[in-house]
Protein backbone atom coordinates (compact mmCIF):
# COMPACT_ATOMS: atom_id res chain seq x y z
CA MET A 1 0.00 0.00 0.00
CA ARG A 2 0.99 3.66 -0.37
CA ALA A 3 1.56 5.98 2.57
CA VAL A 4 3.00 9.46 3.17
CA GLU A 5 5.65 9.97 5.82
CA PHE A 6 8.75 12.00 6.66
CA GLU A 7 12.17 11.03 8.06
CA ASN A 8 13.28 14.47 9.24
CA LEU A 9 11.68 17.77 10.17
CA GLY A 10 11.30 20.52 7.61
CA GLY A 11 9.00 22.10 5.06
CA PRO A 12 6.28 20.36 3.04
CA GLU A 13 8.96 18.98 0.73
CA VAL A 14 10.04 16.41 3.35
CA LEU A 15 6.76 14.53 2.88
CA ARG A 16 7.25 11.53 0.58
CA VAL A 17 5.16 8.66 -0.71
CA VAL A 18 6.42 5.21 0.27
CA GLU A 19 5.31 1.63 -0.27
CA ALA A 20 4.54 -0.20 2.97
CA PRO A 21 3.05 -3.55 3.98
CA THR A 22 -0.73 -3.57 4.42
CA PRO A 23 -1.27 -3.83 8.19
CA GLU A 24 -3.35 -6.53 9.90
CA PRO A 25 -5.38 -5.70 13.01
CA GLY A 26 -4.42 -7.01 16.44
CA PRO A 27 -6.72 -7.41 19.42
CA GLY A 28 -9.07 -4.46 19.80
CA GLN A 29 -8.00 -2.94 16.48
CA VAL A 30 -9.75 -2.24 13.18
CA ALA A 31 -8.10 -2.11 9.76
CA VAL A 32 -9.71 0.58 7.60
CA ASP A 33 -9.26 1.04 3.86
CA VAL A 34 -9.06 4.83 3.71
CA ALA A 35 -11.17 6.86 1.32
CA TRP A 36 -10.41 10.32 2.73
CA SER A 37 -7.92 11.67 5.25
CA GLY A 38 -8.33 15.02 6.99
CA VAL A 39 -5.51 17.57 6.95
CA ASN A 40 -5.05 19.38 10.26
CA PHE A 41 -2.68 22.03 11.55
CA ALA A 42 -1.32 19.48 14.01
CA ASP A 43 -0.08 17.47 10.99
CA ALA A 44 1.91 20.46 9.78
CA LYS A 45 3.30 21.09 13.27
CA ALA A 46 4.38 17.44 13.49
CA ARG A 47 6.27 17.82 10.21
CA SER A 48 7.79 21.23 10.96
CA VAL A 49 8.61 21.17 14.70
CA GLY A 50 8.09 17.54 15.76
CA TYR A 51 4.79 18.02 17.59
CA ARG A 52 3.90 14.64 19.14
CA VAL A 53 6.53 12.88 17.00
CA GLU A 54 8.16 10.11 19.02
CA SER A 55 10.31 8.51 16.31
CA PHE A 56 11.16 8.58 12.59
CA PRO A 57 9.93 7.87 10.03
CA PHE A 58 6.63 9.45 11.07
CA ARG A 59 3.33 9.24 9.24
CA PRO A 60 0.92 12.16 9.88
CA GLY A 61 -2.87 12.05 9.80
CA LEU A 62 -5.31 12.19 12.72
CA GLU A 63 -8.65 11.39 11.10
CA VAL A 64 -9.86 9.20 8.26
CA SER A 65 -13.02 7.83 6.73
CA GLY A 66 -13.31 4.61 4.80
CA THR A 67 -14.42 1.00 4.85
CA VAL A 68 -13.66 -1.65 7.46
CA ARG A 69 -11.18 -4.10 5.92
CA ALA A 70 -10.76 -6.42 8.91
CA VAL A 71 -11.36 -6.49 12.66
CA GLY A 72 -9.16 -7.90 15.40
CA THR A 73 -10.19 -10.20 18.20
CA GLY A 74 -12.46 -8.72 20.80
CA VAL A 75 -13.95 -6.09 18.48
CA THR A 76 -17.73 -5.90 18.50
CA GLY A 77 -20.20 -3.62 16.76
CA LEU A 78 -18.05 -3.17 13.65
CA THR A 79 -18.12 -5.43 10.59
CA VAL A 80 -16.13 -5.86 7.39
CA GLY A 81 -17.46 -3.59 4.65
CA GLN A 82 -18.97 -1.06 7.05
CA HIS A 83 -18.46 2.67 6.42
CA VAL A 84 -16.67 4.31 9.34
CA ALA A 85 -14.85 7.41 10.50
CA ALA A 86 -11.90 7.10 12.86
CA MET A 87 -9.53 9.18 14.96
CA LEU A 88 -5.95 8.04 15.40
CA ASN A 89 -2.74 9.33 16.91
CA GLY A 90 -0.95 9.73 13.57
CA GLY A 91 -0.74 7.44 10.56
CA GLY A 92 -3.81 8.57 8.64
CA TYR A 93 -1.98 9.49 5.43
CA ALA A 94 -2.12 5.93 4.08
CA GLU A 95 -4.29 3.62 2.00
CA THR A 96 -4.93 1.32 4.99
CA VAL A 97 -4.69 2.24 8.66
CA LEU A 98 -4.97 0.47 12.00
CA VAL A 99 -7.26 2.19 14.47
CA PRO A 100 -8.40 1.31 18.00
CA ALA A 101 -11.98 0.08 17.88
CA GLU A 102 -12.81 2.59 20.64
CA THR A 103 -12.13 5.51 18.30
CA THR A 104 -13.75 4.03 15.20
CA PHE A 105 -17.31 5.18 14.54
CA ALA A 106 -19.94 3.59 12.31
CA LEU A 107 -21.45 6.24 10.05
CA PRO A 108 -25.16 6.92 9.70
CA ALA A 109 -26.47 6.23 6.22
CA ALA A 110 -27.10 9.95 5.59
CA LEU A 111 -23.41 10.89 6.09
CA ASP A 112 -21.09 10.16 3.19
CA LEU A 113 -17.42 9.34 3.56
CA ARG A 114 -16.15 12.69 2.29
CA ASP A 115 -18.19 14.73 4.77
CA ALA A 116 -17.35 12.32 7.58
CA ALA A 117 -13.61 12.82 7.13
CA ALA A 118 -14.07 16.59 7.23
CA LEU A 119 -16.32 16.63 10.29
CA THR A 120 -14.92 14.12 12.75
CA THR A 121 -12.09 15.97 14.53
CA VAL A 122 -13.31 19.55 14.09
CA LEU A 123 -16.85 18.70 15.18
CA ALA A 124 -15.74 16.84 18.32
CA THR A 125 -13.33 19.68 19.16
CA GLY A 126 -15.91 22.41 18.71
CA TYR A 127 -18.55 20.51 20.65
CA ALA A 128 -16.20 19.93 23.59
CA LEU A 129 -15.15 23.59 23.64
CA ILE A 130 -18.71 24.90 23.68
CA HIS A 131 -20.43 22.35 25.89
CA ASP A 132 -17.85 20.63 28.10
CA VAL A 133 -14.99 23.09 28.67
CA ALA A 134 -16.45 26.60 28.34
CA ARG A 135 -19.92 25.37 29.41
CA LEU A 136 -21.72 28.00 27.38
CA ARG A 137 -25.09 29.08 28.78
CA GLU A 138 -28.02 30.30 26.70
CA GLY A 139 -27.78 34.00 25.93
CA GLU A 140 -24.03 34.29 26.54
CA SER A 141 -21.60 35.76 24.02
CA VAL A 142 -18.71 33.88 22.37
CA LEU A 143 -15.49 34.92 20.63
CA VAL A 144 -13.79 32.36 18.34
CA GLN A 145 -10.29 32.74 16.89
CA GLY A 146 -9.74 31.29 13.41
CA ALA A 147 -13.42 31.68 12.53
CA ALA A 148 -12.91 30.81 8.85
CA GLY A 149 -11.06 27.53 9.47
CA GLY A 150 -12.42 24.03 9.99
CA VAL A 151 -12.89 24.24 13.76
CA GLY A 152 -14.00 27.86 13.49
CA THR A 153 -16.78 27.30 10.95
CA VAL A 154 -18.17 24.40 12.98
CA THR A 155 -17.84 26.16 16.36
CA GLY A 156 -19.74 29.22 15.18
CA GLN A 157 -22.65 26.98 14.21
CA LEU A 158 -22.45 25.01 17.46
CA ALA A 159 -22.50 28.20 19.52
CA ARG A 160 -25.53 29.46 17.64
CA ALA A 161 -27.31 26.10 18.07
CA ALA A 162 -26.54 26.21 21.81
CA GLY A 163 -28.41 29.50 22.15
CA ALA A 164 -25.54 31.99 22.25
CA GLY A 165 -26.71 35.59 22.35
CA GLN A 166 -23.86 36.93 20.21
CA VAL A 167 -21.22 35.00 18.28
CA PHE A 168 -18.08 36.90 17.28
CA GLY A 169 -15.19 35.62 15.18
CA VAL A 170 -11.60 36.66 14.48
CA VAL A 171 -9.78 36.09 11.17
CA SER A 172 -6.34 37.02 9.91
CA LYS A 173 -7.38 38.56 6.57
CA ALA A 174 -10.27 40.76 5.50
CA GLU A 175 -11.31 38.44 2.68
CA LYS A 176 -12.01 35.70 5.23
CA ALA A 177 -14.46 37.81 7.25
CA ALA A 178 -17.39 37.67 4.82
CA TYR A 179 -16.81 33.95 4.36
CA ALA A 180 -16.92 33.27 8.11
CA LYS A 181 -20.19 35.18 8.59
CA ASP A 182 -22.02 32.40 6.72
CA PHE A 183 -21.31 30.03 9.62
CA GLY A 184 -23.14 31.48 12.60
CA TYR A 185 -21.17 34.67 13.28
CA ASP A 186 -22.82 38.02 13.97
CA GLU A 187 -19.63 39.97 13.44
CA VAL A 188 -16.09 39.00 12.41
CA PHE A 189 -13.06 41.08 13.42
CA VAL A 190 -9.83 41.40 11.46
CA GLY A 191 -6.46 42.29 12.91
CA GLU A 192 -4.36 41.96 16.03
CA ASP A 193 -6.36 44.57 17.96
CA PHE A 194 -9.45 42.36 18.06
CA ASP A 195 -9.78 42.79 21.84
CA GLU A 196 -10.35 46.50 21.35
CA GLN A 197 -12.88 45.75 18.60
CA VAL A 198 -14.69 43.30 20.89
CA LEU A 199 -14.97 45.89 23.65
CA ARG A 200 -16.34 48.48 21.22
CA ALA A 201 -18.87 46.01 19.81
CA THR A 202 -20.09 45.07 23.29
CA GLY A 203 -20.21 48.57 24.76
CA GLY A 204 -17.15 47.86 26.90
CA ARG A 205 -18.59 44.72 28.50
CA GLY A 206 -16.58 42.03 26.69
CA VAL A 207 -17.60 38.45 25.93
CA ASP A 208 -18.51 35.59 28.23
CA VAL A 209 -16.42 32.99 26.41
CA ALA A 210 -13.24 33.29 24.29
CA LEU A 211 -11.82 30.29 22.41
CA ASP A 212 -8.22 30.55 21.20
CA PRO A 213 -6.03 28.09 19.23
CA VAL A 214 -3.29 30.62 18.46
CA GLY A 215 -1.54 31.33 21.77
CA GLY A 216 0.98 34.04 22.53
CA GLU A 217 -0.25 37.59 22.02
CA SER A 218 -3.57 36.32 20.67
CA TRP A 219 -4.20 34.43 23.92
CA ARG A 220 -3.39 37.54 25.98
CA ARG A 221 -5.87 39.58 23.93
CA SER A 222 -8.50 36.83 24.15
CA VAL A 223 -8.34 37.03 27.94
CA ALA A 224 -8.49 40.84 27.72
CA SER A 225 -11.71 40.47 25.68
CA LEU A 226 -13.56 38.77 28.54
CA ALA A 227 -16.44 40.21 30.50
CA ARG A 228 -16.63 39.82 34.27
CA TYR A 229 -16.79 36.10 35.16
CA GLY A 230 -15.73 35.26 31.59
CA ARG A 231 -14.01 32.01 30.57
CA ALA A 232 -11.11 31.70 28.12
CA VAL A 233 -10.16 28.33 26.63
CA ALA A 234 -6.84 27.65 24.89
CA PHE A 235 -6.98 24.73 22.45
CA GLY A 236 -3.72 25.13 20.59
CA ASN A 237 -0.56 27.18 20.15
CA ALA A 238 -0.39 27.79 16.41
CA SER A 239 1.85 30.81 16.99
CA GLU A 240 4.44 28.57 18.71
CA ALA A 241 4.94 31.43 21.16
CA ALA A 242 6.28 30.93 24.65
CA PRO A 243 3.53 30.28 27.21
CA TRP A 244 1.85 33.46 28.40
CA GLN A 245 1.38 33.59 32.15
CA ILE A 246 -1.34 35.22 34.20
CA GLY A 247 -1.45 35.64 37.96
CA PHE A 248 -4.10 35.45 40.64
CA GLY A 249 -4.48 39.21 40.75
CA ASP A 250 -5.12 39.44 37.01
CA LEU A 251 -7.89 36.86 37.23
CA ALA A 252 -9.42 37.76 40.56
CA VAL A 253 -10.28 41.38 39.82
CA ARG A 254 -12.88 40.32 37.23
CA GLY A 255 -13.44 36.74 38.38
CA LEU A 256 -12.00 35.27 35.19
CA SER A 257 -11.34 31.59 34.43
CA VAL A 258 -8.81 30.13 32.00
CA SER A 259 -8.60 26.50 30.84
CA GLY A 260 -7.29 24.32 28.04
CA PHE A 261 -8.39 21.45 25.84
CA SER A 262 -6.71 18.97 23.49
CA ILE A 263 -8.69 16.46 21.44
CA LEU A 264 -5.47 14.47 20.99
CA GLY A 265 -4.87 14.47 24.74
CA LEU A 266 -8.39 13.22 25.35
CA GLY A 267 -7.95 10.42 22.83
CA ALA A 268 -4.64 9.36 24.36
CA THR A 269 -5.83 9.33 27.97
CA ASP A 270 -9.54 8.54 27.73
CA PRO A 271 -10.57 6.91 24.43
CA ALA A 272 -13.95 5.96 25.88
CA GLY A 273 -14.50 9.60 26.74
CA LEU A 274 -13.53 10.58 23.20
CA ARG A 275 -16.04 8.08 21.81
CA ALA A 276 -18.84 9.46 24.01
CA LEU A 277 -17.94 13.03 23.05
CA THR A 278 -17.87 12.26 19.34
CA GLU A 279 -21.20 10.46 19.43
CA ARG A 280 -22.81 13.45 21.18
CA ALA A 281 -21.24 15.80 18.65
CA PHE A 282 -22.57 13.83 15.67
CA GLN A 283 -26.04 13.80 17.25
CA GLU A 284 -25.93 17.58 17.65
CA ALA A 285 -24.70 18.04 14.07
CA GLU A 286 -27.63 15.99 12.79
CA ARG A 287 -30.11 17.83 15.00
CA ALA A 288 -28.88 21.33 14.15
CA GLY A 289 -27.85 20.74 10.52
CA ILE A 290 -24.21 21.62 11.19
CA THR A 291 -21.80 21.23 8.28
CA VAL A 292 -18.17 22.00 7.53
CA PRO A 293 -17.17 23.44 4.13
CA ILE A 294 -14.60 21.37 2.24
CA THR A 295 -12.67 23.97 0.30
CA ALA A 296 -9.84 21.93 -1.22
CA GLU A 297 -8.90 18.30 -1.76
CA PHE A 298 -5.65 16.76 -2.94
CA PRO A 299 -4.59 13.26 -4.00
CA LEU A 300 -2.49 11.42 -1.42
CA GLU A 301 0.75 12.04 -3.31
CA GLU A 302 0.16 15.82 -3.12
CA ALA A 303 0.02 15.99 0.67
CA GLY A 304 2.85 18.54 0.55
CA LYS A 305 0.67 20.92 -1.48
CA ALA A 306 -2.09 20.57 1.11
CA HIS A 307 0.40 21.52 3.84
CA GLU A 308 1.61 24.50 1.80
CA LEU A 309 -1.94 25.80 1.49
CA LEU A 310 -2.68 25.22 5.17
CA GLU A 311 0.45 27.04 6.32
CA SER A 312 -0.12 29.96 3.95
CA ARG A 313 -2.97 31.08 6.26
CA SER A 314 -5.02 31.76 3.12
CA SER A 315 -7.14 28.62 3.34
CA THR A 316 -10.67 28.45 4.70
CA GLY A 317 -12.84 25.54 5.79
CA LYS A 318 -11.46 22.02 5.72
CA LEU A 319 -8.74 20.42 3.56
CA LEU A 320 -8.80 16.72 2.65
CA LEU A 321 -6.56 14.12 1.04
CA ARG A 322 -8.35 11.91 -1.49
CA VAL A 323 -6.86 8.48 -0.83
CA ASP A 324 -9.16 6.08 -2.72
């Protein structure tokens, strides 16, 4: 079978197609013939700075959709030929992957394989941020960084479906703002001074919830955007900035809360919890009609081009690799 991997860190050019043996599932595992593989920023960070890379060669890819090829001993509820989506801790850029049965999900008939690959990780992430970590209450206001990306487009819709009073987004370029407004946002801010724009838009009050995958200066400004008793959630560090620290005094004056979330961390430490979260997220997506726009797809051998587009910060929505 074909797979994409890298043997050293670097730019998109280090990704290469290799021939590898087709894997067979062990106990508790499922072999999936991949139709589509999602492209995530964590894949690019693995390739460029070694994020969650334990050894070389390393094969990126955190989510796939496809057809069950074989099941290992002890696996129940999944059968050969069944359409599934799956989350894995790397390895998704391949024609066949091994996935723990706990993080392999049978797809409803109404959801095709292409949409499933686009939705799985971003939907579970957005749902956890809104419902489990930030614990959004009806009528509260939300600020989402990266509003035009995969997680951002889904999270805007989830916030709206959860009864948010106002949903604000932040994007890096003006041309992304109009695009993001189609996905649940009342207003989308452009530029590094978004905290000042938030305060103007809310009459100086700020927002109840701020969700930030960027880190660094963006995280500082997200916290500054909060209203009294507001909650800020970090779910990434795309800026690769040094951790920004905040003290008791900074939080206590306005009763602020800060927290973090990692979908990969959840999968590594509590796969059963990840399964329950993902099932709830898919139920909400079906109930509320939540979708994610697929804005570009590439054949497996052009994974490097997908990474180039992702890192250019000009992409919107979700990027996919077409494997089969």
